[in-house]
Amino acid sequence: IVIITGKKRLILNHPKNCKNLYLYPLSHPSGRHSMVNWSNPDISKHPLFSNVTGNEVILKAGDALVLPANWFHTIISLNGNVQCNARGGRNDKYKAIIEKCG
């Protein structure tokens, strides 16, 4: 992810956290996306989310981030911005963990 203009907030989570992220099932249109609003989680509705420790970064124009394969993430635009993405090869390092989550 390269930020061309503006700023974005990214919250990243290791694949080992998948059971605590309340993922939609693969059959759902938002399959493998979290049901939780990571910026304002409702812990009474998603109590296991309190076990999640993520990494947060603010990217601004000129910044780049390599997002590890299979890491869960959410991106929040902080203002008008433009970003460029490129996807690399596949990595099976966390394949077993991800498959257990469904």
Protein backbone atom coordinates (compact mmCIF):
# COMPACT_ATOMS: atom_id res chain seq x y z
CA ILE A 1 0.00 0.00 0.00
CA VAL A 2 1.47 3.35 -1.04
CA ILE A 3 -0.23 6.59 -0.06
CA ILE A 4 -0.05 9.12 -2.88
CA THR A 5 -2.02 11.92 -1.19
CA GLY A 6 -3.85 12.26 2.12
CA LYS A 7 -3.81 10.01 5.19
CA LYS A 8 -5.18 6.61 6.19
CA ARG A 9 -5.33 4.72 9.47
CA LEU A 10 -4.69 0.98 9.25
CA ILE A 11 -5.31 -1.58 11.96
CA LEU A 12 -3.61 -4.92 11.36
CA ASN A 13 -4.24 -8.23 13.08
CA HIS A 14 -2.20 -11.41 13.04
CA PRO A 15 -3.98 -14.48 11.61
CA LYS A 16 -3.81 -16.15 15.05
CA ASN A 17 -6.51 -13.68 16.17
CA CYS A 18 -9.07 -14.88 13.64
CA LYS A 19 -11.25 -16.75 16.17
CA ASN A 20 -11.66 -13.51 18.14
CA LEU A 21 -12.47 -11.30 15.13
CA TYR A 22 -16.04 -12.58 14.55
CA LEU A 23 -15.58 -13.26 10.86
CA TYR A 24 -18.51 -13.67 8.53
CA PRO A 25 -18.62 -17.17 7.02
CA LEU A 26 -17.20 -17.68 3.54
CA SER A 27 -20.74 -18.11 2.19
CA HIS A 28 -21.64 -14.55 3.27
CA PRO A 29 -21.12 -11.66 0.78
CA SER A 30 -18.61 -10.22 3.29
CA GLY A 31 -16.99 -13.60 3.90
CA ARG A 32 -13.83 -13.48 6.02
CA HIS A 33 -14.47 -9.85 6.96
CA SER A 34 -15.02 -9.00 10.61
CA MET A 35 -18.47 -8.14 11.96
CA VAL A 36 -16.78 -5.85 14.51
CA ASN A 37 -16.28 -2.11 14.10
CA TRP A 38 -12.58 -2.10 14.99
CA SER A 39 -12.60 1.65 15.71
CA ASN A 40 -15.42 1.33 18.24
CA PRO A 41 -15.98 -2.34 19.14
CA ASP A 42 -19.10 -3.36 21.04
CA ILE A 43 -17.53 -5.74 23.55
CA SER A 44 -20.92 -6.72 24.98
CA LYS A 45 -21.85 -8.03 21.52
CA HIS A 46 -18.37 -9.37 20.64
CA PRO A 47 -16.68 -10.24 23.99
CA LEU A 48 -13.79 -12.26 22.47
CA PHE A 49 -12.68 -9.15 20.58
CA SER A 50 -11.27 -7.87 23.88
CA ASN A 51 -8.57 -10.57 23.50
CA VAL A 52 -7.32 -9.04 20.25
CA THR A 53 -4.16 -6.95 20.17
CA GLY A 54 -3.65 -5.25 16.83
CA ASN A 55 -1.05 -3.03 15.27
CA GLU A 56 -2.09 0.46 14.25
CA VAL A 57 -0.32 2.77 11.83
CA ILE A 58 -1.14 6.12 10.24
CA LEU A 59 0.11 6.39 6.66
CA LYS A 60 0.50 9.75 4.94
CA ALA A 61 1.58 10.83 1.46
CA GLY A 62 4.84 9.13 0.51
CA ASP A 63 4.47 6.29 3.05
CA ALA A 64 4.38 2.64 2.03
CA LEU A 65 3.39 -0.49 3.92
CA VAL A 66 3.85 -4.12 3.00
CA LEU A 67 0.85 -5.93 4.43
CA PRO A 68 1.81 -9.50 5.31
CA ALA A 69 -0.12 -12.23 3.50
CA ASN A 70 -3.23 -13.45 5.35
CA TRP A 71 -3.18 -10.68 7.95
CA PHE A 72 -6.56 -9.18 8.74
CA HIS A 73 -6.82 -5.43 8.38
CA THR A 74 -9.16 -2.50 8.28
CA ILE A 75 -8.44 0.81 6.57
CA ILE A 76 -9.98 4.11 7.66
CA SER A 77 -9.62 7.18 5.46
CA LEU A 78 -8.68 10.20 7.55
CA ASN A 79 -9.23 12.69 4.73
CA GLY A 80 -9.42 12.75 0.95
CA ASN A 81 -6.67 10.44 -0.26
CA VAL A 82 -5.30 8.34 -3.07
CA GLN A 83 -3.51 5.03 -2.58
CA CYS A 84 -1.91 2.48 -4.86
CA ASN A 85 -2.01 -1.23 -4.09
CA ALA A 86 -0.15 -4.19 -5.52
CA ARG A 87 -0.64 -7.81 -4.55
CA GLY A 88 2.31 -10.13 -4.36
CA GLY A 89 2.52 -13.89 -4.39
CA ARG A 90 0.68 -16.27 -2.12
CA ASN A 91 2.06 -17.37 1.21
CA ASP A 92 0.87 -20.50 2.99
CA LYS A 93 2.60 -19.69 6.29
CA TYR A 94 -0.71 -19.20 8.14
CA LYS A 95 -2.86 -21.43 5.93
CA ALA A 96 -3.75 -23.92 8.68
CA ILE A 97 -4.77 -21.13 11.08
CA ILE A 98 -6.93 -19.42 8.45
CA GLU A 99 -8.62 -22.68 7.41
CA LYS A 100 -9.63 -23.37 11.03
CA CYS A 101 -11.46 -20.04 11.10
CA GLY A 102 -13.59 -21.01 8.13
